[in-house]
Amino acid sequence: MPREKNPESEKKRAPRRRAAATVPTAEPSATATQPNFVDPQQRAMLIARAAYYRAMDRGFAPGNEVADWLAAEAEVDAELLRGTAGS
């Protein structure tokens, strides 16, 4: 014989949570100052290309690979920042 449900002993469920509504920012210029980020793989490719051209300019002489990479990294980062600052 099936049990009868007792309405007094039933557990009540908590109400469902609603998703928080997105509030638009009061300052539209706040988004204009945020930089546009480049994919890390694309950034690494740009740095590798710039380092290659630096090595080519010095005749691929060994011993300056790290210096080429660091200079290329600084150059690419400066170009990326300059590109986002102008927009």
Protein backbone atom coordinates (compact mmCIF):
# COMPACT_ATOMS: atom_id res chain seq x y z
CA MET A 1 0.00 0.00 0.00
CA PRO A 2 1.47 3.38 -0.98
CA ARG A 3 2.25 5.91 1.66
CA GLU A 4 0.19 9.01 1.95
CA LYS A 5 1.99 12.31 1.79
CA ASN A 6 1.79 14.48 4.82
CA PRO A 7 1.65 18.14 3.68
CA GLU A 8 3.10 19.32 6.99
CA SER A 9 6.25 17.17 6.71
CA GLU A 10 7.10 18.02 3.10
CA LYS A 11 10.24 20.04 2.61
CA LYS A 12 9.85 23.31 0.85
CA ARG A 13 12.19 24.13 -1.97
CA ALA A 14 14.15 27.34 -2.04
CA PRO A 15 13.08 29.79 -4.71
CA ARG A 16 15.12 29.78 -7.91
CA ARG A 17 17.83 32.36 -8.22
CA ARG A 18 17.44 34.85 -10.99
CA ALA A 19 20.34 35.87 -13.16
CA ALA A 20 21.77 39.24 -12.24
CA ALA A 21 20.75 41.90 -14.69
CA THR A 22 23.60 43.60 -16.48
CA VAL A 23 23.83 47.27 -15.68
CA PRO A 24 25.22 49.50 -18.42
CA THR A 25 28.14 51.65 -17.36
CA ALA A 26 27.42 55.29 -16.72
CA GLU A 27 30.57 56.29 -18.60
CA PRO A 28 30.71 55.18 -22.22
CA SER A 29 34.28 56.50 -22.41
CA ALA A 30 35.37 53.86 -19.87
CA THR A 31 35.27 51.17 -22.55
CA ALA A 32 37.17 53.37 -24.99
CA THR A 33 40.18 53.50 -22.64
CA GLN A 34 40.41 49.74 -22.26
CA PRO A 35 43.01 48.22 -24.62
CA ASN A 36 42.07 45.67 -27.26
CA PHE A 37 44.02 42.56 -26.41
CA VAL A 38 45.71 40.39 -29.01
CA ASP A 39 45.61 36.62 -28.84
CA PRO A 40 48.80 35.35 -27.07
CA GLN A 41 49.63 33.07 -29.99
CA GLN A 42 49.32 35.95 -32.45
CA ARG A 43 51.51 38.14 -30.21
CA ALA A 44 54.17 35.40 -30.05
CA MET A 45 54.08 35.09 -33.84
CA LEU A 46 54.58 38.84 -34.25
CA ILE A 47 57.50 38.78 -31.81
CA ALA A 48 59.10 35.79 -33.55
CA ARG A 49 58.83 37.52 -36.93
CA ALA A 50 60.35 40.75 -35.59
CA ALA A 51 63.17 38.79 -33.88
CA TYR A 52 63.86 36.95 -37.14
CA TYR A 53 64.20 40.20 -39.06
CA ARG A 54 66.52 41.59 -36.35
CA ALA A 55 68.70 38.48 -36.64
CA MET A 56 68.67 38.75 -40.42
CA ASP A 57 69.80 42.40 -40.24
CA ARG A 58 72.86 41.38 -38.22
CA GLY A 59 73.68 38.47 -40.56
CA PHE A 60 72.39 35.68 -38.27
CA ALA A 61 75.56 35.92 -36.17
CA PRO A 62 75.17 33.67 -33.11
CA GLY A 63 75.11 34.95 -29.57
CA ASN A 64 72.45 37.67 -29.66
CA GLU A 65 69.26 35.60 -29.91
CA VAL A 66 67.94 36.61 -26.49
CA ALA A 67 68.69 40.27 -27.13
CA ASP A 68 66.89 40.03 -30.49
CA TRP A 69 63.87 38.42 -28.85
CA LEU A 70 63.68 40.96 -26.02
CA ALA A 71 64.04 43.91 -28.40
CA ALA A 72 61.40 42.44 -30.71
CA GLU A 73 59.08 41.87 -27.75
CA ALA A 74 59.43 45.49 -26.65
CA GLU A 75 58.89 46.69 -30.21
CA VAL A 76 55.74 44.60 -30.73
CA ASP A 77 54.27 45.57 -27.37
CA ALA A 78 54.91 49.26 -28.10
CA GLU A 79 53.23 48.92 -31.50
CA LEU A 80 50.22 47.18 -29.97
CA LEU A 81 49.86 49.84 -27.30
CA ARG A 82 50.28 52.62 -29.83
CA GLY A 83 47.60 51.05 -32.02
CA THR A 84 45.05 50.91 -29.17
CA ALA A 85 45.86 54.39 -27.90
CA GLY A 86 45.05 55.96 -31.27
CA SER A 87 41.57 54.44 -31.53
